[in-house]
N, C-alpha and C. Protein backbone atom coordinates (compact mmCIF):
# COMPACT_ATOMS: atom_id res chain seq x y z
N MET A 1 38.45 77.58 92.41
CA MET A 1 38.76 76.70 93.34
C MET A 1 39.19 77.20 94.25
N LYS A 2 39.15 78.52 94.98
CA LYS A 2 39.03 78.50 96.77
C LYS A 2 38.26 78.08 97.44
N LYS A 3 37.09 78.44 96.62
CA LYS A 3 35.95 78.22 97.40
C LYS A 3 35.88 76.56 97.21
N LEU A 4 36.28 75.36 96.75
CA LEU A 4 36.50 74.44 96.23
C LEU A 4 37.13 73.73 97.36
N SER A 5 38.51 74.24 97.80
CA SER A 5 39.35 73.49 98.70
C SER A 5 38.74 74.21 99.78
N VAL A 6 38.50 74.78 100.24
CA VAL A 6 37.92 75.54 102.11
C VAL A 6 36.67 74.49 102.18
N TRP A 7 36.07 74.12 101.10
CA TRP A 7 34.69 73.46 101.04
C TRP A 7 35.80 71.34 101.78
N ALA A 8 36.26 71.62 100.58
CA ALA A 8 36.95 70.18 101.05
C ALA A 8 37.27 69.79 102.30
N LEU A 9 38.12 70.94 102.62
CA LEU A 9 38.76 71.00 103.72
C LEU A 9 38.16 70.91 104.84
N THR A 10 36.71 71.94 104.97
CA THR A 10 36.26 71.78 106.10
C THR A 10 35.27 70.96 106.17
N LEU A 11 35.09 70.14 105.32
CA LEU A 11 34.53 68.87 104.92
C LEU A 11 34.88 67.71 105.67
N LEU A 12 36.24 67.39 105.18
CA LEU A 12 37.45 67.06 105.80
C LEU A 12 37.67 66.92 107.58
N LEU A 13 37.43 68.04 107.64
CA LEU A 13 37.90 68.02 109.19
C LEU A 13 36.58 67.66 110.18
N ALA A 14 35.45 68.17 109.80
CA ALA A 14 33.97 67.40 109.88
C ALA A 14 33.88 66.41 110.47
N ALA A 15 34.24 65.44 109.52
CA ALA A 15 34.19 64.33 109.20
C ALA A 15 35.00 63.39 110.55
N THR A 16 36.15 63.79 110.32
CA THR A 16 37.51 63.33 111.58
C THR A 16 37.71 63.97 112.49
N ILE A 17 37.11 65.17 112.96
CA ILE A 17 37.31 65.78 114.60
C ILE A 17 37.27 64.82 115.38
N SER A 18 36.10 63.95 115.37
CA SER A 18 36.25 62.78 117.08
C SER A 18 36.20 61.37 116.56
N LEU A 19 37.47 61.45 116.22
CA LEU A 19 38.26 59.87 115.85
C LEU A 19 39.62 59.49 116.44
N PRO A 20 39.35 59.82 118.11
CA PRO A 20 40.38 59.90 118.72
C PRO A 20 41.62 59.00 117.97
N LEU A 21 42.86 58.68 118.24
CA LEU A 21 43.94 57.91 118.27
C LEU A 21 44.53 57.97 119.71
N SER A 22 44.96 56.44 119.86
CA SER A 22 45.62 56.13 121.14
C SER A 22 47.03 56.06 121.12
N ALA A 23 48.22 56.48 121.11
CA ALA A 23 49.39 55.60 121.08
C ALA A 23 49.63 54.31 121.89
N THR A 24 48.81 54.33 122.75
CA THR A 24 48.82 52.74 123.68
C THR A 24 47.75 51.65 122.69
N THR A 25 48.21 50.24 122.77
CA THR A 25 46.97 49.45 122.41
C THR A 25 46.41 48.96 123.02
N ASN A 26 46.28 49.05 124.67
CA ASN A 26 45.56 48.53 125.60
C ASN A 26 44.60 50.00 126.53
N PRO A 27 43.46 50.07 126.07
CA PRO A 27 42.92 51.36 126.51
C PRO A 27 42.34 51.20 127.98
N SER A 28 42.45 50.10 128.97
CA SER A 28 42.31 50.02 130.47
C SER A 28 43.55 51.10 130.83
N PRO A 29 42.92 51.92 131.92
CA PRO A 29 43.61 52.67 132.51
C PRO A 29 44.13 51.95 133.48
N ALA A 30 43.89 50.73 133.96
CA ALA A 30 44.63 50.17 135.11
C ALA A 30 45.28 49.18 134.89
N ALA A 31 45.36 48.76 133.72
CA ALA A 31 47.08 47.97 133.27
C ALA A 31 47.89 48.28 133.86
N ALA A 32 48.69 47.94 134.41
CA ALA A 32 50.15 47.56 135.14
C ALA A 32 51.53 47.94 133.73
N PRO A 33 52.03 48.82 133.99
CA PRO A 33 53.34 48.70 132.93
C PRO A 33 54.41 47.79 133.72
N ALA A 34 55.37 47.09 132.61
CA ALA A 34 56.05 46.13 132.52
C ALA A 34 56.58 46.06 134.39
N THR A 35 57.57 47.48 134.60
CA THR A 35 58.18 47.90 135.67
C THR A 35 57.01 49.05 136.62
N PRO A 36 56.00 48.68 137.26
CA PRO A 36 55.27 49.92 137.92
C PRO A 36 56.25 50.19 138.33
N THR A 37 55.93 51.91 139.33
CA THR A 37 56.60 52.50 140.20
C THR A 37 56.10 52.45 141.86
N ALA A 38 56.77 52.54 142.57
CA ALA A 38 55.69 52.54 143.71
C ALA A 38 54.90 52.69 144.16
N GLU A 39 54.77 54.00 143.55
CA GLU A 39 53.29 55.16 144.13
C GLU A 39 52.22 54.32 142.87
N ALA A 40 52.49 53.55 141.80
CA ALA A 40 51.28 52.65 140.75
C ALA A 40 50.94 51.53 141.77
N GLN A 41 51.96 51.14 142.19
CA GLN A 41 52.09 49.53 142.72
C GLN A 41 51.01 49.76 143.73
N VAL A 42 51.29 51.11 145.16
CA VAL A 42 50.21 50.85 145.50
C VAL A 42 48.50 51.17 145.41
N LEU A 43 48.68 52.19 144.23
CA LEU A 43 47.28 52.14 143.89
C LEU A 43 46.55 50.99 143.17
N LEU A 44 47.46 50.48 142.39
CA LEU A 44 46.92 48.85 142.02
C LEU A 44 46.77 47.68 143.23
N ASN A 45 47.31 47.72 144.10
CA ASN A 45 47.08 47.22 145.31
C ASN A 45 45.71 47.54 145.74
N ARG A 46 45.56 49.13 145.51
CA ARG A 46 43.83 49.40 146.14
C ARG A 46 42.89 49.22 145.25
N LEU A 47 42.94 49.15 144.23
CA LEU A 47 41.89 48.52 143.05
C LEU A 47 41.45 47.16 143.37
N ASN A 48 42.92 46.41 143.47
CA ASN A 48 42.54 44.87 143.69
C ASN A 48 41.89 44.81 144.89
N GLU A 49 42.05 45.41 146.41
CA GLU A 49 41.37 45.39 147.25
C GLU A 49 39.95 45.89 147.19
N ILE A 50 39.52 46.65 146.47
CA ILE A 50 38.48 47.27 145.98
C ILE A 50 37.81 46.45 145.43
N ASN A 51 38.54 45.56 144.05
CA ASN A 51 37.61 44.28 143.41
C ASN A 51 37.13 43.10 144.28
N ALA A 52 38.25 42.76 145.48
CA ALA A 52 37.96 41.61 145.79
C ALA A 52 37.26 41.94 147.15
N MET A 53 36.69 43.32 147.25
CA MET A 53 35.63 44.01 148.35
C MET A 53 34.15 43.23 148.20
N ASP A 54 33.89 42.67 149.15
CA ASP A 54 32.53 42.32 149.02
C ASP A 54 31.59 43.98 149.28
N LYS A 55 30.54 44.04 148.22
CA LYS A 55 29.80 45.52 148.29
C LYS A 55 28.18 44.99 148.60
N ALA A 56 27.76 43.81 148.89
CA ALA A 56 26.57 43.89 148.96
C ALA A 56 26.37 44.48 150.67
N PRO A 57 26.99 44.62 151.79
CA PRO A 57 26.54 45.12 153.03
C PRO A 57 26.77 46.85 153.16
N LEU A 58 27.41 47.09 151.88
CA LEU A 58 27.59 48.80 151.86
C LEU A 58 26.41 49.14 151.49
N SER A 59 26.32 50.73 152.09
CA SER A 59 25.07 51.46 151.79
C SER A 59 25.29 51.94 150.87
N GLY A 60 24.43 52.82 150.00
CA GLY A 60 24.62 53.57 148.66
C GLY A 60 25.43 54.52 148.81
N THR A 61 25.60 55.04 150.00
CA THR A 61 26.81 56.86 149.59
C THR A 61 28.04 55.70 150.11
N GLU A 62 28.51 54.95 150.69
CA GLU A 62 29.78 54.32 150.50
C GLU A 62 29.78 53.74 149.02
N LYS A 63 28.94 52.47 148.82
CA LYS A 63 29.14 52.59 147.71
C LYS A 63 29.64 53.64 146.45
N ARG A 64 28.98 54.69 146.50
CA ARG A 64 29.18 55.94 145.86
C ARG A 64 31.11 56.40 145.73
N LYS A 65 31.28 56.22 147.00
CA LYS A 65 32.89 56.76 147.35
C LYS A 65 33.69 56.08 146.76
N LEU A 66 33.42 54.39 146.86
CA LEU A 66 34.26 53.53 146.19
C LEU A 66 34.14 53.77 144.85
N ARG A 67 33.24 54.24 144.33
CA ARG A 67 33.39 54.16 142.91
C ARG A 67 33.97 55.61 142.60
N LYS A 68 33.96 56.57 143.31
CA LYS A 68 34.69 57.96 142.95
C LYS A 68 36.35 57.58 143.09
N GLU A 69 36.32 56.66 144.27
CA GLU A 69 37.67 56.61 144.61
C GLU A 69 38.48 55.67 143.30
N VAL A 70 37.28 54.72 142.86
CA VAL A 70 38.03 54.18 141.49
C VAL A 70 38.80 54.78 140.37
N LYS A 71 37.47 56.00 140.24
CA LYS A 71 37.55 56.64 138.76
C LYS A 71 38.61 57.67 139.03
N THR A 72 39.02 57.69 140.55
CA THR A 72 40.49 58.62 140.63
C THR A 72 41.71 57.91 140.29
N ILE A 73 41.89 56.94 141.33
CA ILE A 73 42.62 56.10 140.49
C ILE A 73 43.13 55.40 139.62
N LYS A 74 41.73 55.00 138.61
CA LYS A 74 42.24 54.98 137.50
C LYS A 74 42.86 56.59 136.39
N LYS A 75 42.23 57.73 136.82
CA LYS A 75 42.84 58.66 136.37
C LYS A 75 44.60 58.95 136.62
N GLU A 76 44.22 58.93 137.48
CA GLU A 76 46.40 58.25 138.41
C GLU A 76 46.99 57.53 137.68
N LEU A 77 46.80 56.78 137.25
CA LEU A 77 47.40 55.74 136.74
C LEU A 77 47.03 56.11 134.98
N ALA A 78 46.21 56.64 134.33
CA ALA A 78 46.38 57.26 133.41
C ALA A 78 47.09 58.17 132.81
N GLN A 79 47.11 59.21 134.34
CA GLN A 79 48.29 60.13 133.97
C GLN A 79 49.90 59.86 134.32
N ALA A 80 49.87 58.71 134.68
CA ALA A 80 51.47 58.35 135.33
C ALA A 80 51.40 57.23 134.14
N ASN A 81 50.76 56.59 133.49
CA ASN A 81 51.47 56.29 131.89
C ASN A 81 51.76 56.84 130.76
N GLY A 82 51.24 58.00 131.21
CA GLY A 82 51.60 59.08 130.33
C GLY A 82 51.01 58.64 128.58
N GLY A 83 51.70 59.02 127.38
CA GLY A 83 51.12 58.72 125.68
C GLY A 83 50.71 59.83 124.98
N VAL A 84 50.96 59.62 123.94
CA VAL A 84 50.52 60.42 123.03
C VAL A 84 49.22 60.25 122.55
N TYR A 85 48.23 61.47 122.01
CA TYR A 85 47.35 61.06 121.59
C TYR A 85 46.90 62.24 120.34
N LEU A 86 46.44 61.41 119.16
CA LEU A 86 46.65 62.27 118.17
C LEU A 86 45.24 61.84 117.50
N SER A 87 44.49 62.92 116.76
CA SER A 87 43.53 62.39 116.36
C SER A 87 43.06 62.93 114.90
N VAL A 88 42.54 61.76 114.16
CA VAL A 88 42.84 62.40 112.51
C VAL A 88 43.05 63.41 112.09
N GLY A 89 41.99 63.93 112.77
CA GLY A 89 41.60 65.51 111.99
C GLY A 89 43.21 66.14 112.10
N ALA A 90 43.69 65.92 113.45
CA ALA A 90 44.76 66.73 113.73
C ALA A 90 46.18 66.07 112.70
N VAL A 91 46.30 64.82 112.90
CA VAL A 91 47.01 64.33 111.59
C VAL A 91 47.17 64.73 110.37
N ILE A 92 45.74 64.69 109.88
CA ILE A 92 45.40 65.30 108.39
C ILE A 92 45.88 66.89 107.99
N ILE A 93 45.97 67.74 109.28
CA ILE A 93 46.19 68.97 109.38
C ILE A 93 47.72 69.11 108.80
N ILE A 94 48.20 68.05 109.79
CA ILE A 94 50.11 68.09 109.69
C ILE A 94 50.50 67.52 108.71
N ILE A 95 49.47 66.75 108.13
CA ILE A 95 50.13 65.93 106.98
C ILE A 95 50.06 67.22 105.37
N LEU A 96 48.83 67.86 105.41
CA LEU A 96 48.58 68.92 104.73
C LEU A 96 49.39 70.01 105.23
N LEU A 97 49.92 70.87 105.91
CA LEU A 97 51.00 71.70 106.63
C LEU A 97 52.03 71.29 105.61
N LEU A 98 52.52 70.06 105.80
CA LEU A 98 53.84 69.56 105.86
C LEU A 98 53.91 69.29 103.84
N ILE A 99 52.83 69.16 103.56
CA ILE A 99 53.20 69.49 102.18
C ILE A 99 52.86 70.74 101.34
N LEU A 100 52.32 71.55 101.95
CA LEU A 100 51.96 72.86 101.88
C LEU A 100 53.50 73.74 101.88
N LEU A 101 54.22 73.53 102.95
CA LEU A 101 55.26 74.18 103.37
C LEU A 101 56.52 73.61 102.93
N LEU A 102 56.48 72.39 102.31
CA LEU A 102 57.97 71.90 101.92
C LEU A 102 57.58 71.56 100.45
C-alpha cells in the first residue's frame, strides 16, 4: 500500500510539475496598471518610443541593443507589478499536506 501511494504521488507530481499558474489574467508584462508609478510610466514611455521608431535604417548591433533594452524594461515592469505564481504541483502538494496534517 505504501509503495502504491508513493508511486501515485510521484506520477502526479511528474505530470503536473511544468504547468505554472499565474495570478494575473493578462500575461503581457508591458500592460500598464490602473495607476502607474512615475518609474513605470517612464519605462512605458520608452517602450512606446522604441515601438514607434523606424528600425529599418538601424544596423544589426543597434537593433540588438534595442531588443535587449526592451527585454530589460519588460522584466522591470513585471517585477514592479508583482504577483504570486503557483504551479499546479505546488497546489496539489499543499492540499495533500493540509489533508494529512488536519
